């Protein structure tokens, strides 16, 4: 799917429609010292089976791509709800 690099949409801070630059949201690296991550590693360690069963077949073929919109007027960033797509590219309009 071809996504334009600039979208005119509503900005809640400006309270009007403005130009927004579009990028694809990607999550950050997981913190290895977070409590949940330490707990998960402790449970995985040692003898015995895995903490959760391995998934054999996947129901979904695609991931949801979340668009990150940044207002060019005030710099406010908002996320646009994810759309399922296999391929995507940001294009000039």
N, C-alpha and C. Protein backbone atom coordinates (compact mmCIF):
# COMPACT_ATOMS: atom_id res chain seq x y z
N UNK A 1 0.85 -1.17 0.00
CA UNK A 1 0.00 0.00 0.00
C UNK A 1 0.89 1.24 0.00
N UNK A 2 0.54 2.21 -0.83
CA UNK A 2 1.32 3.44 -0.92
C UNK A 2 0.71 4.48 0.01
N UNK A 3 1.53 4.97 0.95
CA UNK A 3 1.06 5.94 1.95
C UNK A 3 1.75 7.27 1.67
N UNK A 4 0.99 8.38 1.55
CA UNK A 4 1.62 9.68 1.31
C UNK A 4 2.45 10.13 2.51
N UNK A 5 3.58 10.83 2.25
CA UNK A 5 4.45 11.30 3.33
C UNK A 5 3.84 12.45 4.11
N UNK A 6 2.92 13.19 3.48
CA UNK A 6 2.24 14.31 4.15
C UNK A 6 0.75 14.14 4.01
N UNK A 7 0.03 14.19 5.15
CA UNK A 7 -1.42 14.05 5.18
C UNK A 7 -2.01 15.29 5.84
N UNK A 8 -3.09 15.81 5.28
CA UNK A 8 -3.81 16.91 5.93
C UNK A 8 -4.91 16.27 6.78
N UNK A 9 -4.78 16.42 8.10
CA UNK A 9 -5.76 15.83 9.02
C UNK A 9 -5.89 16.69 10.27
N UNK A 10 -6.85 16.35 11.14
CA UNK A 10 -7.14 17.17 12.31
C UNK A 10 -6.06 17.05 13.38
N UNK A 11 -5.64 18.21 13.91
CA UNK A 11 -4.68 18.25 15.02
C UNK A 11 -5.42 18.69 16.28
N UNK A 12 -5.46 17.87 17.33
CA UNK A 12 -6.19 18.22 18.54
C UNK A 12 -5.58 19.42 19.29
N UNK A 13 -4.30 19.67 19.12
CA UNK A 13 -3.69 20.81 19.82
C UNK A 13 -4.00 22.13 19.08
N UNK A 14 -3.88 22.10 17.75
CA UNK A 14 -4.19 23.31 16.95
C UNK A 14 -5.70 23.50 16.81
N UNK A 15 -6.48 22.42 17.04
CA UNK A 15 -7.94 22.41 16.89
C UNK A 15 -8.37 22.79 15.47
N UNK A 16 -7.58 22.38 14.49
CA UNK A 16 -7.90 22.62 13.08
C UNK A 16 -7.18 21.59 12.22
N UNK A 17 -7.55 21.52 10.94
CA UNK A 17 -6.86 20.61 10.02
C UNK A 17 -5.54 21.23 9.58
N UNK A 18 -4.45 20.49 9.75
CA UNK A 18 -3.12 20.95 9.35
C UNK A 18 -2.38 19.83 8.64
N UNK A 19 -1.23 20.15 8.06
CA UNK A 19 -0.39 19.14 7.41
C UNK A 19 0.34 18.34 8.47
N UNK A 20 0.37 17.03 8.29
CA UNK A 20 1.08 16.13 9.20
C UNK A 20 2.07 15.29 8.40
N UNK A 21 3.30 15.19 8.90
CA UNK A 21 4.27 14.30 8.27
C UNK A 21 4.05 12.89 8.82
N UNK A 22 4.10 11.90 7.93
CA UNK A 22 3.75 10.52 8.26
C UNK A 22 5.00 9.67 8.35
N UNK A 23 5.07 8.84 9.40
CA UNK A 23 6.12 7.83 9.50
C UNK A 23 5.50 6.56 10.07
N UNK A 24 6.20 5.46 9.95
CA UNK A 24 5.70 4.18 10.46
C UNK A 24 6.20 4.00 11.89
N UNK A 25 5.28 3.73 12.82
CA UNK A 25 5.64 3.54 14.23
C UNK A 25 6.32 2.19 14.39
N UNK A 26 7.45 2.18 15.10
CA UNK A 26 8.09 0.92 15.46
C UNK A 26 8.43 0.97 16.95
N UNK A 27 8.14 -0.13 17.63
CA UNK A 27 8.33 -0.16 19.08
C UNK A 27 9.81 -0.16 19.43
N UNK A 28 10.14 0.30 20.60
CA UNK A 28 11.52 0.36 21.05
C UNK A 28 12.02 -0.99 21.53
N UNK A 29 13.27 -1.04 21.89
CA UNK A 29 13.88 -2.28 22.37
C UNK A 29 13.36 -2.57 23.78
N UNK A 30 13.12 -3.84 24.08
CA UNK A 30 12.63 -4.22 25.40
C UNK A 30 13.73 -4.05 26.44
N UNK A 31 13.35 -3.58 27.64
CA UNK A 31 14.34 -3.38 28.70
C UNK A 31 14.62 -4.71 29.37
N UNK A 32 15.88 -5.13 29.37
CA UNK A 32 16.23 -6.44 29.92
C UNK A 32 16.17 -6.47 31.44
N UNK A 33 16.20 -5.31 32.09
CA UNK A 33 16.15 -5.27 33.56
C UNK A 33 14.75 -4.99 34.10
N UNK A 34 13.73 -4.91 33.24
CA UNK A 34 12.35 -4.72 33.70
C UNK A 34 11.91 -5.97 34.46
N UNK A 35 11.03 -5.78 35.43
CA UNK A 35 10.63 -6.88 36.32
C UNK A 35 10.02 -8.04 35.54
N UNK A 36 9.16 -7.75 34.58
CA UNK A 36 8.52 -8.80 33.80
C UNK A 36 9.51 -9.59 32.96
N UNK A 37 10.48 -8.89 32.41
CA UNK A 37 11.50 -9.54 31.59
C UNK A 37 12.38 -10.45 32.45
N UNK A 38 12.74 -10.01 33.66
CA UNK A 38 13.55 -10.84 34.58
C UNK A 38 12.76 -12.07 35.01
N UNK A 39 11.48 -11.88 35.29
CA UNK A 39 10.62 -12.99 35.70
C UNK A 39 10.50 -14.01 34.56
N UNK A 40 10.32 -13.52 33.36
CA UNK A 40 10.19 -14.40 32.19
C UNK A 40 11.46 -15.22 31.99
N UNK A 41 12.64 -14.57 32.08
CA UNK A 41 13.90 -15.28 31.90
C UNK A 41 14.12 -16.32 33.00
N UNK A 42 13.73 -15.99 34.24
CA UNK A 42 13.89 -16.93 35.36
C UNK A 42 13.02 -18.16 35.16
N UNK A 43 11.80 -17.95 34.64
CA UNK A 43 10.90 -19.09 34.42
C UNK A 43 11.34 -19.95 33.25
N UNK A 44 11.96 -19.35 32.24
CA UNK A 44 12.42 -20.09 31.07
C UNK A 44 13.66 -20.92 31.38
N UNK A 45 14.45 -20.47 32.36
CA UNK A 45 15.74 -21.08 32.67
C UNK A 45 15.55 -22.46 33.31
N UNK A 46 16.55 -23.33 33.16
CA UNK A 46 16.57 -24.60 33.86
C UNK A 46 15.92 -25.72 33.08
N UNK A 47 15.61 -26.81 33.79
CA UNK A 47 15.03 -27.99 33.15
C UNK A 47 13.52 -27.81 33.03
N UNK A 48 12.91 -28.72 32.30
CA UNK A 48 11.45 -28.66 32.15
C UNK A 48 11.07 -27.98 30.86
N UNK A 49 9.78 -27.88 30.68
CA UNK A 49 9.27 -27.34 29.42
C UNK A 49 9.29 -25.82 29.42
N UNK A 50 8.95 -25.26 28.28
CA UNK A 50 8.87 -23.82 28.12
C UNK A 50 7.69 -23.27 28.93
N UNK A 51 7.76 -21.98 29.26
CA UNK A 51 6.73 -21.37 30.10
C UNK A 51 5.36 -21.40 29.41
N UNK A 52 5.36 -21.12 28.11
CA UNK A 52 4.11 -21.15 27.35
C UNK A 52 4.31 -22.06 26.14
N UNK A 53 3.25 -22.72 25.67
CA UNK A 53 3.43 -23.60 24.52
C UNK A 53 3.78 -22.81 23.26
N UNK A 54 4.60 -23.40 22.41
CA UNK A 54 4.99 -22.76 21.15
C UNK A 54 3.78 -22.78 20.21
N UNK A 55 3.55 -21.67 19.52
CA UNK A 55 2.42 -21.60 18.60
C UNK A 55 2.77 -22.34 17.32
N UNK A 56 1.89 -23.28 16.92
CA UNK A 56 2.19 -24.13 15.78
C UNK A 56 1.78 -23.49 14.46
N UNK A 57 0.55 -22.95 14.41
CA UNK A 57 0.11 -22.29 13.17
C UNK A 57 -0.45 -20.92 13.50
N UNK A 58 -0.19 -19.98 12.63
CA UNK A 58 -0.61 -18.61 12.86
C UNK A 58 -1.89 -18.31 12.10
N UNK A 59 -2.80 -17.61 12.75
CA UNK A 59 -4.07 -17.26 12.12
C UNK A 59 -3.90 -16.06 11.19
N UNK A 60 -3.04 -15.14 11.59
CA UNK A 60 -2.87 -13.90 10.83
C UNK A 60 -1.61 -13.99 9.96
N UNK A 61 -1.70 -13.43 8.77
CA UNK A 61 -0.58 -13.42 7.84
C UNK A 61 0.14 -12.07 7.88
N UNK A 62 -0.58 -11.02 8.29
CA UNK A 62 -0.03 -9.67 8.29
C UNK A 62 0.01 -9.08 9.68
N UNK A 63 0.80 -8.02 9.85
CA UNK A 63 0.84 -7.26 11.09
C UNK A 63 0.09 -5.97 10.86
N UNK A 64 -0.40 -5.36 11.93
CA UNK A 64 -1.04 -4.06 11.81
C UNK A 64 0.04 -2.98 11.82
N UNK A 65 0.01 -2.11 10.82
CA UNK A 65 0.98 -1.03 10.71
C UNK A 65 0.36 0.24 11.29
N UNK A 66 1.00 0.80 12.31
CA UNK A 66 0.50 2.01 12.96
C UNK A 66 1.22 3.22 12.36
N UNK A 67 0.44 4.23 11.94
CA UNK A 67 1.02 5.44 11.37
C UNK A 67 1.25 6.47 12.47
N UNK A 68 2.43 7.08 12.46
CA UNK A 68 2.78 8.12 13.42
C UNK A 68 2.69 9.45 12.69
N UNK A 69 1.75 10.30 13.10
CA UNK A 69 1.53 11.59 12.44
C UNK A 69 2.08 12.71 13.30
N UNK A 70 2.90 13.58 12.71
CA UNK A 70 3.47 14.71 13.44
C UNK A 70 3.00 16.00 12.77
N UNK A 71 2.34 16.86 13.55
CA UNK A 71 1.82 18.12 13.03
C UNK A 71 3.00 19.02 12.65
N UNK A 72 2.95 19.56 11.44
CA UNK A 72 4.05 20.41 10.97
C UNK A 72 3.96 21.82 11.55
N UNK A 73 2.79 22.17 12.12
CA UNK A 73 2.61 23.51 12.69
C UNK A 73 3.10 23.58 14.14
N UNK A 74 2.63 22.64 14.97
CA UNK A 74 2.96 22.70 16.40
C UNK A 74 3.86 21.56 16.87
N UNK A 75 4.05 20.51 16.06
CA UNK A 75 4.94 19.41 16.43
C UNK A 75 4.26 18.33 17.26
N UNK A 76 2.94 18.40 17.43
CA UNK A 76 2.19 17.40 18.20
C UNK A 76 2.17 16.07 17.45
N UNK A 77 2.44 14.97 18.16
CA UNK A 77 2.48 13.65 17.54
C UNK A 77 1.28 12.83 17.97
N UNK A 78 0.62 12.20 16.99
CA UNK A 78 -0.49 11.31 17.32
C UNK A 78 -0.38 10.05 16.48
N UNK A 79 -0.98 8.98 16.97
CA UNK A 79 -0.93 7.69 16.28
C UNK A 79 -2.26 7.45 15.58
N UNK A 80 -2.16 6.95 14.37
CA UNK A 80 -3.35 6.57 13.61
C UNK A 80 -3.53 5.07 13.76
N UNK A 81 -4.74 4.61 14.02
CA UNK A 81 -5.02 3.20 14.27
C UNK A 81 -4.46 2.30 13.17
N UNK A 82 -3.96 1.14 13.55
CA UNK A 82 -3.27 0.24 12.62
C UNK A 82 -4.15 -0.34 11.54
N UNK A 83 -3.58 -0.47 10.35
CA UNK A 83 -4.25 -1.08 9.21
C UNK A 83 -3.44 -2.31 8.84
N UNK A 84 -4.11 -3.41 8.52
CA UNK A 84 -3.40 -4.62 8.12
C UNK A 84 -2.94 -4.49 6.67
N UNK A 85 -1.63 -4.67 6.47
CA UNK A 85 -1.10 -4.65 5.11
C UNK A 85 0.18 -5.46 5.03
N UNK A 86 0.40 -6.07 3.88
CA UNK A 86 1.61 -6.87 3.69
C UNK A 86 2.79 -5.98 3.35
N UNK A 87 2.60 -5.10 2.33
CA UNK A 87 3.67 -4.22 1.89
C UNK A 87 3.20 -2.79 2.04
N UNK A 88 4.11 -1.89 2.39
CA UNK A 88 3.79 -0.47 2.46
C UNK A 88 5.01 0.33 2.07
N UNK A 89 4.75 1.52 1.49
CA UNK A 89 5.83 2.42 1.15
C UNK A 89 5.33 3.85 1.28
N UNK A 90 6.19 4.73 1.82
CA UNK A 90 5.86 6.13 1.94
C UNK A 90 6.24 6.82 0.63
N UNK A 91 5.29 7.54 0.04
CA UNK A 91 5.53 8.17 -1.26
C UNK A 91 5.23 9.66 -1.20
N UNK A 92 5.93 10.41 -2.05
CA UNK A 92 5.63 11.84 -2.21
C UNK A 92 4.34 11.93 -3.01
N UNK A 93 3.53 12.94 -2.70
CA UNK A 93 2.29 13.08 -3.43
C UNK A 93 2.44 13.85 -4.69
